[in-house]
Amino acid sequence: MEKTTLPNGKLIYTLALLSCTLFCFGGITIVFALISYILARKSEKIYEQNPNAYSNISKIKKGKTIAIIGLILNIIIVGIAIWTLVTIGWDAWSDEFVRRWNEGLQNNSR
């Protein structure tokens, strides 16, 4: 019997890697990590039904592990953003951002 690959193996791995590498963009990539994790769970359930028919379970497990790491990183970033906004407030944060933005523009225009 010829072994086939589990569905969405490349997608799971790619989304998990994207969630880990792009987590610094405000936690937006938590969506990638969640999708990757859910797809990995579905693929693992398919594998459990017939383990001898599929060959890429190791890639699925790696993708799932990376997705969990991506979830943790994204949750930390969202937590830091919420903590910062709660402690200093939106007005102080945006004023500081605008001040630093203007400093950067002045420094780069020289």
Protein backbone atom coordinates (compact mmCIF):
# COMPACT_ATOMS: atom_id res chain seq x y z
CA MET A 1 0.00 0.00 0.00
CA GLU A 2 1.36 3.38 -1.02
CA LYS A 3 1.56 6.05 1.68
CA THR A 4 0.03 9.44 0.95
CA THR A 5 0.56 12.77 2.65
CA LEU A 6 -1.82 14.28 5.15
CA PRO A 7 -3.85 17.25 3.92
CA ASN A 8 -2.64 20.81 4.53
CA GLY A 9 0.89 19.83 5.64
CA LYS A 10 2.63 22.69 3.84
CA LEU A 11 -0.06 25.19 4.84
CA ILE A 12 0.20 24.22 8.52
CA TYR A 13 3.97 24.57 8.52
CA THR A 14 3.94 27.85 6.56
CA LEU A 15 1.29 29.54 8.70
CA ALA A 16 3.03 28.41 11.89
CA LEU A 17 6.35 29.86 10.72
CA LEU A 18 4.68 33.12 9.69
CA SER A 19 3.04 33.42 13.10
CA CYS A 20 6.43 33.05 14.79
CA THR A 21 8.35 35.40 12.53
CA LEU A 22 5.75 38.17 12.21
CA PHE A 23 4.44 38.19 15.79
CA CYS A 24 5.94 41.64 16.43
CA PHE A 25 3.25 43.28 14.26
CA GLY A 26 0.88 43.74 17.17
CA GLY A 27 -0.27 40.16 17.53
CA ILE A 28 -2.18 40.14 14.25
CA THR A 29 -0.59 36.85 13.25
CA ILE A 30 -2.35 35.09 16.11
CA VAL A 31 -4.88 34.23 13.40
CA PHE A 32 -2.18 32.33 11.46
CA ALA A 33 -1.20 30.42 14.59
CA LEU A 34 -4.79 29.50 15.39
CA ILE A 35 -5.52 28.32 11.85
CA SER A 36 -2.32 26.30 11.80
CA TYR A 37 -3.09 24.70 15.15
CA ILE A 38 -6.66 23.81 14.19
CA LEU A 39 -5.57 22.32 10.86
CA ALA A 40 -2.85 20.32 12.60
CA ARG A 41 -5.36 18.88 15.07
CA LYS A 42 -7.64 17.87 12.19
CA SER A 43 -4.74 16.22 10.36
CA GLU A 44 -3.72 14.36 13.51
CA LYS A 45 -7.26 13.02 13.87
CA ILE A 46 -7.15 11.81 10.26
CA TYR A 47 -3.79 10.16 10.98
CA GLU A 48 -5.15 8.41 14.08
CA GLN A 49 -7.85 6.75 11.98
CA ASN A 50 -5.31 5.08 9.68
CA PRO A 51 -1.68 5.59 10.76
CA ASN A 52 -0.21 3.29 8.11
CA ALA A 53 -1.64 5.28 5.21
CA TYR A 54 0.15 8.60 5.79
CA SER A 55 3.80 9.59 5.72
CA ASN A 56 4.11 13.22 6.81
CA ILE A 57 2.94 13.16 10.41
CA SER A 58 6.30 14.51 11.61
CA LYS A 59 5.82 17.68 9.57
CA ILE A 60 2.32 18.09 11.01
CA LYS A 61 3.63 17.68 14.58
CA LYS A 62 6.43 20.18 13.96
CA GLY A 63 3.91 22.65 12.53
CA LYS A 64 1.66 22.18 15.54
CA THR A 65 4.56 22.80 17.94
CA ILE A 66 5.61 25.93 16.06
CA ALA A 67 1.98 27.10 16.03
CA ILE A 68 1.83 26.76 19.82
CA ILE A 69 5.02 28.83 20.10
CA GLY A 70 3.49 31.40 17.74
CA LEU A 71 0.34 31.53 19.87
CA ILE A 72 2.39 32.14 23.00
CA LEU A 73 4.47 34.89 21.34
CA ASN A 74 1.38 36.61 19.98
CA ILE A 75 -0.41 36.43 23.33
CA ILE A 76 2.62 38.00 25.00
CA ILE A 77 2.68 40.85 22.47
CA VAL A 78 -1.06 41.49 22.84
CA GLY A 79 -0.66 41.37 26.62
CA ILE A 80 2.17 43.90 26.53
CA ALA A 81 0.15 46.21 24.28
CA ILE A 82 -2.88 46.01 26.57
CA TRP A 83 -0.74 46.51 29.69
CA THR A 84 0.97 49.53 28.12
CA LEU A 85 -2.30 51.14 27.10
CA VAL A 86 -3.85 50.51 30.51
CA THR A 87 -0.89 51.90 32.44
CA ILE A 88 -0.02 55.01 30.45
CA GLY A 89 -3.20 55.49 28.45
CA TRP A 90 -3.85 55.96 24.78
CA ASP A 91 -3.22 59.74 24.76
CA ALA A 92 0.22 59.50 26.36
CA TRP A 93 1.16 56.58 24.11
CA SER A 94 0.09 58.33 20.93
CA ASP A 95 1.78 61.61 21.97
CA GLU A 96 5.04 59.73 22.59
CA PHE A 97 4.71 57.93 19.26
CA VAL A 98 4.15 61.20 17.37
CA ARG A 99 7.09 62.85 19.17
CA ARG A 100 9.46 60.01 18.26
CA TRP A 101 8.12 59.90 14.70
CA ASN A 102 8.85 63.60 14.25
CA GLU A 103 12.34 63.19 15.76
CA GLY A 104 13.02 60.41 13.28
CA LEU A 105 11.85 62.54 10.38
CA GLN A 106 14.07 65.44 11.50
CA ASN A 107 17.11 63.18 11.98
CA ASN A 108 16.70 61.53 8.57
CA SER A 109 16.15 64.80 6.69
CA ARG A 110 19.63 66.10 7.55
